[in-house]
C-alpha atoms as a PDB file:
ATOM      1  CA  MET A   1     -14.682  30.388  18.697  1.00  0.00           C
ATOM      2  CA  LYS A   2     -17.011  28.654  16.265  1.00  0.00           C
ATOM      3  CA  SER A   3     -17.598  30.380  12.929  1.00  0.00           C
ATOM      4  CA  HIS A   4     -21.356  30.491  12.353  1.00  0.00           C
ATOM      5  CA  LYS A   5     -21.237  30.555   8.562  1.00  0.00           C
ATOM      6  CA  THR A   6     -18.228  28.365   7.824  1.00  0.00           C
ATOM      7  CA  ILE A   7     -18.689  24.856   6.470  1.00  0.00           C
ATOM      8  CA  LEU A   8     -15.819  22.380   6.151  1.00  0.00           C
ATOM      9  CA  VAL A   9     -16.190  19.992   3.201  1.00  0.00           C
ATOM     10  CA  VAL A  10     -14.022  16.893   3.652  1.00  0.00           C
ATOM     11  CA  GLU A  11     -13.901  14.962   0.395  1.00  0.00           C
ATOM     12  CA  ASP A  12     -10.982  13.176  -1.264  1.00  0.00           C
ATOM     13  CA  SER A  13     -12.379  13.724  -4.773  1.00  0.00           C
ATOM     14  CA  GLN A  14     -11.267  17.182  -5.851  1.00  0.00           C
ATOM     15  CA  THR A  15     -14.174  17.429  -8.288  1.00  0.00           C
ATOM     16  CA  GLN A  16     -16.768  16.579  -5.622  1.00  0.00           C
ATOM     17  CA  ARG A  17     -15.100  18.872  -3.082  1.00  0.00           C
ATOM     18  CA  THR A  18     -15.115  21.785  -5.536  1.00  0.00           C
ATOM     19  CA  LEU A  19     -18.744  21.193  -6.531  1.00  0.00           C
ATOM     20  CA  MET A  20     -19.865  21.090  -2.905  1.00  0.00           C
ATOM     21  CA  THR A  21     -17.902  24.148  -1.773  1.00  0.00           C
ATOM     22  CA  ASN A  22     -19.064  26.168  -4.799  1.00  0.00           C
ATOM     23  CA  CYS A  23     -22.673  25.162  -4.147  1.00  0.00           C
ATOM     24  CA  LEU A  24     -22.442  26.370  -0.541  1.00  0.00           C
ATOM     25  CA  LYS A  25     -20.680  29.584  -1.522  1.00  0.00           C
ATOM     26  CA  SER A  26     -23.457  30.295  -4.019  1.00  0.00           C
ATOM     27  CA  VAL A  27     -25.908  30.693  -1.112  1.00  0.00           C
ATOM     28  CA  GLY A  28     -23.637  32.941   0.925  1.00  0.00           C
ATOM     29  CA  LEU A  29     -21.809  30.485   3.156  1.00  0.00           C
ATOM     30  CA  ASP A  30     -18.079  30.313   3.695  1.00  0.00           C
ATOM     31  CA  ALA A  31     -16.990  26.872   2.523  1.00  0.00           C
ATOM     32  CA  ILE A  32     -13.507  25.468   2.853  1.00  0.00           C
ATOM     33  CA  GLY A  33     -12.267  22.102   1.676  1.00  0.00           C
ATOM     34  CA  ALA A  34     -10.038  19.346   2.940  1.00  0.00           C
ATOM     35  CA  ALA A  35      -8.810  16.399   0.883  1.00  0.00           C
ATOM     36  CA  ASN A  36      -8.328  13.878   3.690  1.00  0.00           C
ATOM     37  CA  GLY A  37      -8.902  13.284   7.377  1.00  0.00           C
ATOM     38  CA  GLU A  38      -5.594  14.687   8.567  1.00  0.00           C
ATOM     39  CA  GLN A  39      -6.129  17.901   6.635  1.00  0.00           C
ATOM     40  CA  ALA A  40      -9.708  18.052   7.935  1.00  0.00           C
ATOM     41  CA  LEU A  41      -8.539  18.077  11.546  1.00  0.00           C
ATOM     42  CA  GLN A  42      -6.014  20.817  10.756  1.00  0.00           C
ATOM     43  CA  GLU A  43      -8.614  22.946   8.969  1.00  0.00           C
ATOM     44  CA  PHE A  44     -11.071  22.398  11.801  1.00  0.00           C
ATOM     45  CA  GLN A  45      -8.554  23.745  14.313  1.00  0.00           C
ATOM     46  CA  ARG A  46      -7.783  26.693  12.057  1.00  0.00           C
ATOM     47  CA  TYR A  47     -11.327  27.776  11.078  1.00  0.00           C
ATOM     48  CA  ARG A  48     -13.632  26.278  13.749  1.00  0.00           C
ATOM     49  CA  PRO A  49     -16.493  25.632  11.307  1.00  0.00           C
ATOM     50  CA  CYS A  50     -20.022  25.186  12.614  1.00  0.00           C
ATOM     51  CA  LEU A  51     -20.720  22.256  10.290  1.00  0.00           C
ATOM     52  CA  VAL A  52     -18.588  19.541   8.703  1.00  0.00           C
ATOM     53  CA  LEU A  53     -19.623  17.577   5.618  1.00  0.00           C
ATOM     54  CA  LEU A  54     -17.536  14.436   5.952  1.00  0.00           C
ATOM     55  CA  ASP A  55     -16.785  11.680   3.460  1.00  0.00           C
ATOM     56  CA  VAL A  56     -16.320   8.198   4.938  1.00  0.00           C
ATOM     57  CA  VAL A  57     -13.995   6.467   2.480  1.00  0.00           C
ATOM     58  CA  MET A  58     -10.728   8.410   2.354  1.00  0.00           C
ATOM     59  CA  PRO A  59      -7.031   7.575   2.334  1.00  0.00           C
ATOM     60  CA  ARG A  60      -4.901   7.735   5.507  1.00  0.00           C
ATOM     61  CA  MET A  61      -7.754   8.435   7.943  1.00  0.00           C
ATOM     62  CA  ASN A  62     -11.346   7.467   7.274  1.00  0.00           C
ATOM     63  CA  GLY A  63     -14.345   9.627   8.066  1.00  0.00           C
ATOM     64  CA  TYR A  64     -15.308   7.666  11.169  1.00  0.00           C
ATOM     65  CA  GLU A  65     -11.887   8.317  12.713  1.00  0.00           C
ATOM     66  CA  VAL A  66     -12.247  12.032  11.960  1.00  0.00           C
ATOM     67  CA  LEU A  67     -15.795  12.038  13.330  1.00  0.00           C
ATOM     68  CA  ARG A  68     -14.710  10.501  16.638  1.00  0.00           C
ATOM     69  CA  GLN A  69     -11.933  13.075  17.042  1.00  0.00           C
ATOM     70  CA  LEU A  70     -14.225  15.997  16.227  1.00  0.00           C
ATOM     71  CA  LYS A  71     -16.853  14.820  18.705  1.00  0.00           C
ATOM     72  CA  ARG A  72     -14.224  14.184  21.394  1.00  0.00           C
ATOM     73  CA  SER A  73     -13.275  17.864  21.493  1.00  0.00           C
ATOM     74  CA  PRO A  74     -14.376  19.404  24.806  1.00  0.00           C
ATOM     75  CA  GLU A  75     -15.420  22.647  23.099  1.00  0.00           C
ATOM     76  CA  ASP A  76     -16.745  23.678  19.694  1.00  0.00           C
ATOM     77  CA  LYS A  77     -18.258  20.336  18.760  1.00  0.00           C
ATOM     78  CA  PRO A  78     -19.448  20.856  15.186  1.00  0.00           C
ATOM     79  CA  VAL A  79     -22.493  19.417  13.514  1.00  0.00           C
ATOM     80  CA  VAL A  80     -21.179  16.562  11.355  1.00  0.00           C
ATOM     81  CA  VAL A  81     -23.070  15.258   8.337  1.00  0.00           C
ATOM     82  CA  MET A  82     -21.621  12.174   6.708  1.00  0.00           C
ATOM     83  CA  CYS A  83     -21.599  12.334   2.892  1.00  0.00           C
ATOM     84  CA  THR A  84     -20.844   8.917   1.456  1.00  0.00           C
ATOM     85  CA  ILE A  85     -21.570   6.281  -1.152  1.00  0.00           C
ATOM     86  CA  LYS A  86     -22.251   3.838   1.691  1.00  0.00           C
ATOM     87  CA  GLY A  87     -26.046   3.816   1.739  1.00  0.00           C
ATOM     88  CA  GLU A  88     -26.986   0.694   3.690  1.00  0.00           C
ATOM     89  CA  GLU A  89     -28.969   0.958   6.914  1.00  0.00           C
ATOM     90  CA  CYS A  90     -26.031  -0.527   8.854  1.00  0.00           C
ATOM     91  CA  ASP A  91     -23.810   2.295   7.545  1.00  0.00           C
ATOM     92  CA  ARG A  92     -26.265   4.918   8.805  1.00  0.00           C
ATOM     93  CA  TYR A  93     -26.510   3.117  12.140  1.00  0.00           C
ATOM     94  CA  TRP A  94     -22.724   2.992  12.520  1.00  0.00           C
ATOM     95  CA  ALA A  95     -22.387   6.706  11.694  1.00  0.00           C
ATOM     96  CA  ASN A  96     -25.063   7.536  14.251  1.00  0.00           C
ATOM     97  CA  GLN A  97     -23.306   5.440  16.870  1.00  0.00           C
ATOM     98  CA  GLN A  98     -20.069   7.330  16.197  1.00  0.00           C
ATOM     99  CA  GLY A  99     -21.795  10.683  16.754  1.00  0.00           C
ATOM    100  CA  ALA A 100     -22.870  11.812  13.262  1.00  0.00           C
ATOM    101  CA  ASP A 101     -25.685  14.334  13.253  1.00  0.00           C
ATOM    102  CA  GLY A 102     -26.822  13.600   9.701  1.00  0.00           C
ATOM    103  CA  TYR A 103     -26.228  11.306   6.744  1.00  0.00           C
ATOM    104  CA  LEU A 104     -26.361  11.961   2.996  1.00  0.00           C
ATOM    105  CA  VAL A 105     -25.838   9.291   0.348  1.00  0.00           C
ATOM    106  CA  LYS A 106     -23.970  10.229  -2.832  1.00  0.00           C
ATOM    107  CA  PRO A 107     -24.688  11.391  -5.406  1.00  0.00           C
ATOM    108  CA  ILE A 108     -25.951  14.457  -3.577  1.00  0.00           C
ATOM    109  CA  ARG A 109     -28.014  16.948  -5.533  1.00  0.00           C
ATOM    110  CA  PRO A 110     -27.091  20.618  -4.981  1.00  0.00           C
ATOM    111  CA  GLN A 111     -30.523  21.503  -3.578  1.00  0.00           C
ATOM    112  CA  GLN A 112     -30.378  18.499  -1.238  1.00  0.00           C
ATOM    113  CA  LEU A 113     -27.011  19.730   0.061  1.00  0.00           C
ATOM    114  CA  ILE A 114     -28.303  23.270   0.588  1.00  0.00           C
ATOM    115  CA  ASP A 115     -31.499  22.064   2.276  1.00  0.00           C
ATOM    116  CA  THR A 116     -29.557  19.790   4.628  1.00  0.00           C
ATOM    117  CA  VAL A 117     -27.126  22.521   5.628  1.00  0.00           C
ATOM    118  CA  ARG A 118     -29.979  24.998   6.044  1.00  0.00           C
ATOM    119  CA  GLU A 119     -31.830  22.556   8.332  1.00  0.00           C
ATOM    120  CA  PHE A 120     -28.826  21.979  10.579  1.00  0.00           C
ATOM    121  CA  LEU A 121     -27.911  25.665  10.727  1.00  0.00           C
ATOM    122  CA  LYS A 122     -31.390  27.103  11.174  1.00  0.00           C
ATOM    123  CA  ASP A 123     -30.564  28.230  14.723  1.00  0.00           C
ATOM    124  CA  GLU A 124     -27.022  29.361  13.855  1.00  0.00           C
ATOM    125  CA  VAL A 125     -27.435  31.515  10.747  1.00  0.00           C
ATOM    126  CA  ASP A 126     -29.631  34.530  10.028  1.00  0.00           C
ATOM    127  CA  PRO A 127     -32.274  33.156   7.626  1.00  0.00           C
ATOM    128  CA  LEU A 128     -32.406  36.448   5.754  1.00  0.00           C
ATOM    129  CA  ASN A 129     -28.771  36.067   4.793  1.00  0.00           C
ATOM    130  CA  PHE A 130     -28.917  32.383   3.886  1.00  0.00           C
END
């Protein structure tokens, strides 16, 4: 069953991952991190987050490969927002074609991250508690 307040942050930079998870926790969300695509798929199975913030450029398995696997799942398809340094229009197009629900270009400001998550979860989370 999908967890309505859990966000999975997939980012190979430990510093970025920590900043993002702490930012989300500061507004009352449960945020868990994964350092690469393989770990992301494991954490997704374990926690069933409602939203995934997904880096594109990662070792072993890139974000697009993870995205395709997450969207292939017959149940519990999460909202996936790509978070990447790749800011060209063709990058956004490719992410959209792969099934991404949103796209943020790094560096991501804390308020921008919170606003994006809030927008995607507006129907999932009690606004009084988030």
